[in-house]
C-alpha atoms as a PDB file:
ATOM      1  CA  UNK A   1     174.760 229.809 166.624  1.00  0.00           C
ATOM      2  CA  UNK A   2     173.549 228.951 163.192  1.00  0.00           C
ATOM      3  CA  UNK A   3     175.450 226.783 160.724  1.00  0.00           C
ATOM      4  CA  UNK A   4     176.869 229.946 159.133  1.00  0.00           C
ATOM      5  CA  UNK A   5     178.505 230.834 162.462  1.00  0.00           C
ATOM      6  CA  UNK A   6     176.123 233.702 163.179  1.00  0.00           C
ATOM      7  CA  UNK A   7     173.903 234.109 166.180  1.00  0.00           C
ATOM      8  CA  UNK A   8     170.312 233.139 165.441  1.00  0.00           C
ATOM      9  CA  UNK A   9     168.598 234.877 168.362  1.00  0.00           C
ATOM     10  CA  UNK A  10     169.482 237.070 171.290  1.00  0.00           C
ATOM     11  CA  UNK A  11     167.773 237.859 174.566  1.00  0.00           C
ATOM     12  CA  UNK A  12     168.478 239.543 177.867  1.00  0.00           C
ATOM     13  CA  UNK A  13     169.094 237.239 180.833  1.00  0.00           C
ATOM     14  CA  UNK A  14     169.987 237.679 184.486  1.00  0.00           C
ATOM     15  CA  UNK A  15     173.716 237.703 185.211  1.00  0.00           C
ATOM     16  CA  UNK A  16     173.424 234.495 187.221  1.00  0.00           C
ATOM     17  CA  UNK A  17     172.020 232.647 184.187  1.00  0.00           C
ATOM     18  CA  UNK A  18     174.835 233.539 181.784  1.00  0.00           C
ATOM     19  CA  UNK A  19     176.957 230.532 182.754  1.00  0.00           C
ATOM     20  CA  UNK A  20     174.098 228.195 181.933  1.00  0.00           C
ATOM     21  CA  UNK A  21     173.572 229.642 178.456  1.00  0.00           C
ATOM     22  CA  UNK A  22     176.952 230.738 177.058  1.00  0.00           C
ATOM     23  CA  UNK A  23     179.500 228.232 175.815  1.00  0.00           C
ATOM     24  CA  UNK A  24     183.278 227.957 175.551  1.00  0.00           C
ATOM     25  CA  UNK A  25     185.256 231.161 175.078  1.00  0.00           C
ATOM     26  CA  UNK A  26     182.054 233.187 174.680  1.00  0.00           C
ATOM     27  CA  UNK A  27     181.372 232.721 178.386  1.00  0.00           C
ATOM     28  CA  UNK A  28     184.873 233.924 179.295  1.00  0.00           C
ATOM     29  CA  UNK A  29     184.395 237.024 177.137  1.00  0.00           C
ATOM     30  CA  UNK A  30     181.040 237.767 178.740  1.00  0.00           C
ATOM     31  CA  UNK A  31     182.528 237.311 182.219  1.00  0.00           C
ATOM     32  CA  UNK A  32     185.351 239.753 181.372  1.00  0.00           C
ATOM     33  CA  UNK A  33     182.788 242.277 180.093  1.00  0.00           C
ATOM     34  CA  UNK A  34     180.869 242.020 183.362  1.00  0.00           C
ATOM     35  CA  UNK A  35     184.100 242.507 185.344  1.00  0.00           C
ATOM     36  CA  UNK A  36     184.924 245.563 183.221  1.00  0.00           C
ATOM     37  CA  UNK A  37     181.446 246.956 183.853  1.00  0.00           C
ATOM     38  CA  UNK A  38     181.820 246.445 187.614  1.00  0.00           C
ATOM     39  CA  UNK A  39     185.392 247.728 187.964  1.00  0.00           C
ATOM     40  CA  UNK A  40     185.981 250.021 184.985  1.00  0.00           C
ATOM     41  CA  UNK A  41     189.108 247.979 184.174  1.00  0.00           C
ATOM     42  CA  UNK A  42     189.310 246.956 180.521  1.00  0.00           C
ATOM     43  CA  UNK A  43     191.706 244.206 179.445  1.00  0.00           C
ATOM     44  CA  UNK A  44     192.802 242.984 176.038  1.00  0.00           C
ATOM     45  CA  UNK A  45     191.519 239.437 175.539  1.00  0.00           C
ATOM     46  CA  UNK A  46     192.581 236.423 173.502  1.00  0.00           C
ATOM     47  CA  UNK A  47     190.006 233.619 173.318  1.00  0.00           C
ATOM     48  CA  UNK A  48     188.210 235.281 176.199  1.00  0.00           C
ATOM     49  CA  UNK A  49     191.221 235.365 178.525  1.00  0.00           C
ATOM     50  CA  UNK A  50     193.234 238.451 179.506  1.00  0.00           C
ATOM     51  CA  UNK A  51     196.566 238.497 177.663  1.00  0.00           C
ATOM     52  CA  UNK A  52     198.387 239.108 180.951  1.00  0.00           C
ATOM     53  CA  UNK A  53     197.181 235.726 182.268  1.00  0.00           C
ATOM     54  CA  UNK A  54     198.249 233.959 179.077  1.00  0.00           C
ATOM     55  CA  UNK A  55     201.769 235.402 179.289  1.00  0.00           C
ATOM     56  CA  UNK A  56     202.265 234.231 182.882  1.00  0.00           C
END
């Protein structure tokens, strides 16, 4: 990210490399997107975590 909080560059990477490149809650959001793509199940997220898990 740039100092203004925006992304400076983007690129496609293999799924296995995402964990090495994404940081903090961004990684959790990306992981949930990949799960949704695989399963078709879409969950509402807060800071990258499903709200159901946060309520438990």
